[in-house]
Structures are given as C-alpha cells and as structure tokens.
Amino acid sequence: MEIKTLEKQIENLSMEIVKETLKEIKEDDYTTDPHRVESWERFVTGLYATLNAEMRDIEKQYPFAWRILRQDKKSDKATDLEYDSTKEGQRRIELKHDLKSLERLSSSLKRTLDRINQERYNTKFQ
C-alpha cells in the first residue's frame, strides 16, 4: 500500500482507534504471524508520515510566531517558553515525543520482521 493512501486512511481514524492499535502492537510478544507484524509496521509508518506532516506545518509557522512573540520579551528563552505555552507549541511538544516513540516502535517492528524471516530461512534449510 502506498504511503500517501495510508496517510489518508490514518487521518480519518479516531485517536481512540490509533491508541488501541498502538497498545495492541506494544503488548504483543511478536510471536504472531509475520503478515500481521508487516501490517503493523505499515500502520506505524503511515502514522509517522501523517504526524510528521502536521509537525512540518507547525514548524513552518514557528519562526513567524516566534518573531511576533519576541517583540514583547526580554530574552529568547522567555520567547520559547511563551511559544511552548500556546496551542501550537503544546502540539509541537506532543508531536516531537510521539514521532520519537514511533521511530523506536518502527525500528523494533523491523528488527522483529528480520528475526522472523531469519528464523524461517534457517528452518527452511535445516
């Protein structure tokens, strides 16, 4: 499935479904069917792409908002704190942590697929 198509499907999911799917992935012992692990890996990749696009849009607006906020502040740090307290700033913080978690989860799923494939390969030739 193409990433753009997957992104559109994920955008239409409720956050509850996303949270439940991620919980299911994290709680599985990865002894499941490799096709299911592949499906999860595609889901995580699509979710990452969707959230990363949102982060990109926030990051594009950041310099403009920061410059406006800086006019009333005495320091860069105070300006950063002011921005972080806005709706966009809070979402940027959430996305930063969510994206890092998804990177690690994706990496774990890829390693699991590699291990499953290696085990199947070794079993095939024994």
N, C-alpha and C. Protein backbone atom coordinates (compact mmCIF):
# COMPACT_ATOMS: atom_id res chain seq x y z
N MET A 1 0.84 -1.18 0.00
CA MET A 1 0.00 0.00 0.00
C MET A 1 0.88 1.25 0.00
N GLU A 2 0.54 2.20 -0.82
CA GLU A 2 1.31 3.43 -0.94
C GLU A 2 1.17 4.28 0.32
N ILE A 3 2.24 4.95 0.72
CA ILE A 3 2.26 5.75 1.96
C ILE A 3 1.20 6.84 1.92
N LYS A 4 1.03 7.54 0.80
CA LYS A 4 0.04 8.62 0.71
C LYS A 4 -1.37 8.09 0.99
N THR A 5 -1.71 6.92 0.45
CA THR A 5 -3.01 6.31 0.69
C THR A 5 -3.15 5.95 2.16
N LEU A 6 -2.10 5.40 2.74
CA LEU A 6 -2.11 5.03 4.14
C LEU A 6 -2.27 6.26 5.02
N GLU A 7 -1.60 7.35 4.67
CA GLU A 7 -1.74 8.60 5.42
C GLU A 7 -3.19 9.06 5.44
N LYS A 8 -3.85 9.03 4.30
CA LYS A 8 -5.25 9.47 4.22
C LYS A 8 -6.15 8.59 5.08
N GLN A 9 -5.91 7.29 5.09
CA GLN A 9 -6.71 6.39 5.92
C GLN A 9 -6.49 6.68 7.39
N ILE A 10 -5.26 6.94 7.78
CA ILE A 10 -4.95 7.20 9.18
C ILE A 10 -5.54 8.53 9.63
N GLU A 11 -5.53 9.54 8.76
CA GLU A 11 -6.11 10.83 9.11
C GLU A 11 -7.58 10.69 9.47
N ASN A 12 -8.26 9.73 8.87
CA ASN A 12 -9.68 9.56 9.12
C ASN A 12 -9.98 8.69 10.34
N LEU A 13 -8.97 8.06 10.91
CA LEU A 13 -9.18 7.25 12.10
C LEU A 13 -9.33 8.13 13.33
N SER A 14 -10.11 7.66 14.27
CA SER A 14 -10.19 8.40 15.53
C SER A 14 -8.93 8.10 16.33
N MET A 15 -8.59 8.99 17.22
CA MET A 15 -7.40 8.79 18.06
C MET A 15 -7.57 7.57 18.95
N GLU A 16 -8.80 7.21 19.31
CA GLU A 16 -9.02 6.01 20.13
C GLU A 16 -8.58 4.75 19.38
N ILE A 17 -8.91 4.67 18.11
CA ILE A 17 -8.51 3.51 17.30
C ILE A 17 -6.99 3.46 17.19
N VAL A 18 -6.37 4.62 16.96
CA VAL A 18 -4.91 4.68 16.86
C VAL A 18 -4.29 4.22 18.18
N LYS A 19 -4.79 4.74 19.30
CA LYS A 19 -4.25 4.36 20.61
C LYS A 19 -4.42 2.87 20.88
N GLU A 20 -5.57 2.32 20.54
CA GLU A 20 -5.82 0.89 20.75
C GLU A 20 -4.89 0.04 19.89
N THR A 21 -4.69 0.44 18.65
CA THR A 21 -3.80 -0.31 17.75
C THR A 21 -2.37 -0.26 18.27
N LEU A 22 -1.91 0.91 18.68
CA LEU A 22 -0.55 1.02 19.22
C LEU A 22 -0.41 0.19 20.50
N LYS A 23 -1.42 0.18 21.33
CA LYS A 23 -1.40 -0.62 22.55
C LYS A 23 -1.30 -2.11 22.20
N GLU A 24 -2.07 -2.55 21.22
CA GLU A 24 -2.04 -3.94 20.78
C GLU A 24 -0.64 -4.31 20.27
N ILE A 25 -0.05 -3.43 19.49
CA ILE A 25 1.29 -3.69 18.95
C ILE A 25 2.30 -3.82 20.09
N LYS A 26 2.26 -2.89 21.03
CA LYS A 26 3.23 -2.87 22.12
C LYS A 26 3.07 -4.06 23.06
N GLU A 27 1.84 -4.56 23.22
CA GLU A 27 1.61 -5.66 24.16
C GLU A 27 1.85 -7.03 23.55
N ASP A 28 1.94 -7.11 22.23
CA ASP A 28 2.14 -8.40 21.58
C ASP A 28 3.55 -8.90 21.84
N ASP A 29 3.69 -10.21 21.93
CA ASP A 29 5.02 -10.79 22.17
C ASP A 29 5.78 -11.04 20.87
N TYR A 30 5.22 -10.59 19.75
CA TYR A 30 5.85 -10.69 18.43
C TYR A 30 6.11 -12.14 18.00
N THR A 31 5.32 -13.04 18.51
CA THR A 31 5.39 -14.41 18.00
C THR A 31 4.24 -14.64 17.03
N THR A 32 3.59 -13.59 16.68
CA THR A 32 2.42 -13.63 15.82
C THR A 32 2.83 -13.84 14.35
N ASP A 33 1.86 -13.95 13.54
CA ASP A 33 2.03 -14.11 12.10
C ASP A 33 2.85 -12.93 11.53
N PRO A 34 3.87 -13.23 10.72
CA PRO A 34 4.70 -12.16 10.16
C PRO A 34 3.90 -11.16 9.33
N HIS A 35 2.81 -11.61 8.71
CA HIS A 35 1.99 -10.70 7.92
C HIS A 35 1.34 -9.64 8.82
N ARG A 36 1.00 -10.06 10.02
CA ARG A 36 0.42 -9.11 10.98
C ARG A 36 1.48 -8.09 11.42
N VAL A 37 2.69 -8.55 11.65
CA VAL A 37 3.78 -7.64 12.03
C VAL A 37 4.04 -6.66 10.88
N GLU A 38 4.02 -7.16 9.64
CA GLU A 38 4.20 -6.28 8.48
C GLU A 38 3.09 -5.25 8.40
N SER A 39 1.87 -5.67 8.68
CA SER A 39 0.72 -4.76 8.67
C SER A 39 0.91 -3.67 9.73
N TRP A 40 1.36 -4.07 10.91
CA TRP A 40 1.61 -3.10 11.98
C TRP A 40 2.71 -2.13 11.57
N GLU A 41 3.75 -2.65 10.94
CA GLU A 41 4.87 -1.79 10.53
C GLU A 41 4.39 -0.76 9.51
N ARG A 42 3.53 -1.17 8.58
CA ARG A 42 2.97 -0.22 7.62
C ARG A 42 2.09 0.81 8.32
N PHE A 43 1.31 0.37 9.30
CA PHE A 43 0.46 1.28 10.06
C PHE A 43 1.31 2.33 10.77
N VAL A 44 2.35 1.88 11.45
CA VAL A 44 3.23 2.80 12.18
C VAL A 44 3.91 3.76 11.22
N THR A 45 4.35 3.28 10.07
CA THR A 45 4.99 4.13 9.07
C THR A 45 4.01 5.19 8.56
N GLY A 46 2.79 4.78 8.27
CA GLY A 46 1.77 5.73 7.81
C GLY A 46 1.42 6.75 8.88
N LEU A 47 1.32 6.29 10.12
CA LEU A 47 1.03 7.21 11.22
C LEU A 47 2.17 8.20 11.39
N TYR A 48 3.40 7.72 11.30
CA TYR A 48 4.57 8.59 11.40
C TYR A 48 4.52 9.66 10.31
N ALA A 49 4.24 9.25 9.08
CA ALA A 49 4.18 10.19 7.96
C ALA A 49 3.09 11.24 8.18
N THR A 50 1.95 10.82 8.69
CA THR A 50 0.84 11.73 8.94
C THR A 50 1.20 12.76 10.01
N LEU A 51 1.74 12.27 11.13
CA LEU A 51 2.11 13.18 12.21
C LEU A 51 3.28 14.08 11.82
N ASN A 52 4.20 13.54 11.02
CA ASN A 52 5.34 14.33 10.57
C ASN A 52 4.88 15.48 9.66
N ALA A 53 3.86 15.24 8.86
CA ALA A 53 3.31 16.31 8.00
C ALA A 53 2.70 17.41 8.87
N GLU A 54 2.02 17.01 9.94
CA GLU A 54 1.47 18.00 10.86
C GLU A 54 2.59 18.80 11.53
N MET A 55 3.65 18.10 11.94
CA MET A 55 4.80 18.76 12.57
C MET A 55 5.43 19.75 11.58
N ARG A 56 5.55 19.34 10.35
CA ARG A 56 6.12 20.22 9.32
C ARG A 56 5.33 21.52 9.22
N ASP A 57 4.01 21.43 9.22
CA ASP A 57 3.18 22.62 9.13
C ASP A 57 3.36 23.54 10.34
N ILE A 58 3.47 22.96 11.52
CA ILE A 58 3.70 23.75 12.73
C ILE A 58 5.08 24.39 12.67
N GLU A 59 6.08 23.61 12.27
CA GLU A 59 7.45 24.12 12.20
C GLU A 59 7.59 25.26 11.19
N LYS A 60 6.81 25.21 10.11
CA LYS A 60 6.88 26.27 9.11
C LYS A 60 6.37 27.59 9.67
N GLN A 61 5.40 27.53 10.58
CA GLN A 61 4.82 28.75 11.16
C GLN A 61 5.61 29.27 12.36
N TYR A 62 6.42 28.39 12.95
CA TYR A 62 7.15 28.73 14.17
C TYR A 62 7.97 30.02 14.08
N PRO A 63 8.79 30.23 13.04
CA PRO A 63 9.62 31.45 13.00
C PRO A 63 8.78 32.73 12.99
N PHE A 64 7.65 32.70 12.32
CA PHE A 64 6.81 33.89 12.24
C PHE A 64 6.17 34.19 13.58
N ALA A 65 5.64 33.16 14.23
CA ALA A 65 5.04 33.34 15.56
C ALA A 65 6.09 33.76 16.57
N TRP A 66 7.26 33.14 16.49
CA TRP A 66 8.33 33.44 17.44
C TRP A 66 8.76 34.91 17.33
N ARG A 67 8.89 35.38 16.11
CA ARG A 67 9.32 36.76 15.89
C ARG A 67 8.31 37.76 16.48
N ILE A 68 7.03 37.46 16.34
CA ILE A 68 6.00 38.32 16.92
C ILE A 68 6.05 38.28 18.44
N LEU A 69 6.19 37.07 19.00
CA LEU A 69 6.26 36.93 20.45
C LEU A 69 7.52 37.59 21.02
N ARG A 70 8.59 37.57 20.29
CA ARG A 70 9.88 38.09 20.77
C ARG A 70 9.84 39.59 21.01
N GLN A 71 8.97 40.30 20.31
CA GLN A 71 8.89 41.75 20.45
C GLN A 71 8.57 42.17 21.89
N ASP A 72 7.80 41.36 22.60
CA ASP A 72 7.38 41.70 23.96
C ASP A 72 8.22 41.03 25.04
N LYS A 73 9.21 40.28 24.67
CA LYS A 73 10.02 39.53 25.65
C LYS A 73 11.43 40.08 25.73
N LYS A 74 12.06 39.82 26.87
CA LYS A 74 13.42 40.30 27.08
C LYS A 74 14.48 39.30 26.68
N SER A 75 14.07 38.02 26.48
CA SER A 75 15.08 37.01 26.13
C SER A 75 14.48 35.97 25.19
N ASP A 76 15.39 35.25 24.52
CA ASP A 76 14.98 34.17 23.64
C ASP A 76 14.30 33.06 24.44
N LYS A 77 14.83 32.76 25.61
CA LYS A 77 14.27 31.69 26.46
C LYS A 77 12.83 32.02 26.85
N ALA A 78 12.59 33.26 27.24
CA ALA A 78 11.23 33.67 27.60
C ALA A 78 10.29 33.54 26.40
N THR A 79 10.81 33.86 25.22
CA THR A 79 10.01 33.74 24.00
C THR A 79 9.70 32.27 23.71
N ASP A 80 10.70 31.41 23.86
CA ASP A 80 10.48 29.97 23.66
C ASP A 80 9.42 29.44 24.62
N LEU A 81 9.50 29.84 25.88
CA LEU A 81 8.51 29.40 26.87
C LEU A 81 7.12 29.91 26.54
N GLU A 82 7.05 31.13 26.08
CA GLU A 82 5.76 31.71 25.68
C GLU A 82 5.17 30.92 24.51
N TYR A 83 6.01 30.62 23.52
CA TYR A 83 5.52 29.85 22.36
C TYR A 83 5.08 28.45 22.80
N ASP A 84 5.87 27.83 23.67
CA ASP A 84 5.54 26.48 24.12
C ASP A 84 4.23 26.43 24.89
N SER A 85 3.78 27.56 25.41
CA SER A 85 2.52 27.58 26.16
C SER A 85 1.31 27.80 25.25
N THR A 86 1.55 28.04 23.96
CA THR A 86 0.44 28.20 23.02
C THR A 86 -0.07 26.83 22.59
N LYS A 87 -1.23 26.82 21.96
CA LYS A 87 -1.81 25.57 21.45
C LYS A 87 -0.84 24.89 20.47
N GLU A 88 -0.28 25.67 19.55
CA GLU A 88 0.66 25.12 18.57
C GLU A 88 1.93 24.63 19.24
N GLY A 89 2.40 25.37 20.24
CA GLY A 89 3.60 24.96 20.97
C GLY A 89 3.40 23.65 21.71
N GLN A 90 2.22 23.50 22.34
CA GLN A 90 1.92 22.27 23.04
C GLN A 90 1.81 21.10 22.06
N ARG A 91 1.19 21.34 20.92
CA ARG A 91 1.07 20.28 19.91
C ARG A 91 2.45 19.91 19.37
N ARG A 92 3.31 20.88 19.19
CA ARG A 92 4.67 20.62 18.72
C ARG A 92 5.43 19.73 19.70
N ILE A 93 5.27 19.99 21.00
CA ILE A 93 5.91 19.16 22.02
C ILE A 93 5.37 17.73 21.96
N GLU A 94 4.05 17.59 21.87
CA GLU A 94 3.43 16.26 21.77
C GLU A 94 3.94 15.51 20.55
N LEU A 95 3.94 16.19 19.41
CA LEU A 95 4.37 15.54 18.17
C LEU A 95 5.83 15.11 18.24
N LYS A 96 6.67 15.93 18.83
CA LYS A 96 8.09 15.59 18.95
C LYS A 96 8.25 14.26 19.69
N HIS A 97 7.54 14.11 20.77
CA HIS A 97 7.65 12.87 21.56
C HIS A 97 6.95 11.70 20.86
N ASP A 98 5.80 11.96 20.25
CA ASP A 98 5.10 10.89 19.52
C ASP A 98 5.95 10.37 18.36
N LEU A 99 6.58 11.28 17.63
CA LEU A 99 7.40 10.86 16.49
C LEU A 99 8.60 10.04 16.95
N LYS A 100 9.21 10.42 18.05
CA LYS A 100 10.34 9.65 18.58
C LYS A 100 9.88 8.25 18.98
N SER A 101 8.72 8.16 19.64
CA SER A 101 8.19 6.84 20.02
C SER A 101 7.89 5.99 18.80
N LEU A 102 7.32 6.59 17.78
CA LEU A 102 7.00 5.85 16.56
C LEU A 102 8.26 5.39 15.84
N GLU A 103 9.31 6.19 15.88
CA GLU A 103 10.60 5.77 15.28
C GLU A 103 11.10 4.51 15.97
N ARG A 104 11.04 4.51 17.28
CA ARG A 104 11.53 3.35 18.03
C ARG A 104 10.65 2.13 17.82
N LEU A 105 9.33 2.35 17.78
CA LEU A 105 8.41 1.24 17.55
C LEU A 105 8.61 0.66 16.16
N SER A 106 8.79 1.52 15.17
CA SER A 106 9.03 1.06 13.80
C SER A 106 10.32 0.26 13.72
N SER A 107 11.35 0.75 14.37
CA SER A 107 12.63 0.04 14.39
C SER A 107 12.48 -1.34 15.03
N SER A 108 11.74 -1.39 16.11
CA SER A 108 11.51 -2.67 16.79
C SER A 108 10.75 -3.64 15.88
N LEU A 109 9.74 -3.14 15.19
CA LEU A 109 8.97 -4.00 14.28
C LEU A 109 9.84 -4.50 13.13
N LYS A 110 10.71 -3.64 12.61
CA LYS A 110 11.60 -4.05 11.53
C LYS A 110 12.58 -5.13 12.00
N ARG A 111 13.12 -4.94 13.20
CA ARG A 111 14.03 -5.97 13.75
C ARG A 111 13.28 -7.28 13.95
N THR A 112 12.04 -7.19 14.40
CA THR A 112 11.24 -8.40 14.61
C THR A 112 11.00 -9.11 13.29
N LEU A 113 10.66 -8.36 12.25
CA LEU A 113 10.46 -8.97 10.93
C LEU A 113 11.74 -9.62 10.42
N ASP A 114 12.87 -8.95 10.63
CA ASP A 114 14.15 -9.54 10.23
C ASP A 114 14.40 -10.85 10.97
N ARG A 115 14.10 -10.86 12.28
CA ARG A 115 14.30 -12.07 13.08
C ARG A 115 13.38 -13.20 12.61
N ILE A 116 12.11 -12.87 12.36
CA ILE A 116 11.16 -13.87 11.89
C ILE A 116 11.61 -14.44 10.56
N ASN A 117 12.02 -13.56 9.65
CA ASN A 117 12.47 -14.02 8.34
C ASN A 117 13.74 -14.87 8.44
N GLN A 118 14.65 -14.48 9.33
CA GLN A 118 15.87 -15.26 9.53
C GLN A 118 15.54 -16.63 10.09
N GLU A 119 14.62 -16.69 11.04
CA GLU A 119 14.22 -17.97 11.63
C GLU A 119 13.56 -18.86 10.57
N ARG A 120 12.71 -18.27 9.73
CA ARG A 120 12.07 -19.05 8.66
C ARG A 120 13.11 -19.56 7.67
N TYR A 121 14.08 -18.71 7.35
CA TYR A 121 15.13 -19.10 6.41
C TYR A 121 15.97 -20.24 7.00
N ASN A 122 16.34 -20.12 8.26
CA ASN A 122 17.15 -21.16 8.91
C ASN A 122 16.38 -22.47 9.03
N THR A 123 15.10 -22.39 9.32
CA THR A 123 14.27 -23.59 9.44
C THR A 123 14.12 -24.27 8.08
N LYS A 124 14.01 -23.48 7.04
CA LYS A 124 13.83 -23.98 5.68
C LYS A 124 15.02 -24.83 5.24
N PHE A 125 16.21 -24.47 5.67
CA PHE A 125 17.42 -25.15 5.20
C PHE A 125 18.05 -26.07 6.23
N GLN A 126 17.30 -26.47 7.20
CA GLN A 126 17.85 -27.43 8.19
C GLN A 126 17.44 -28.84 7.87
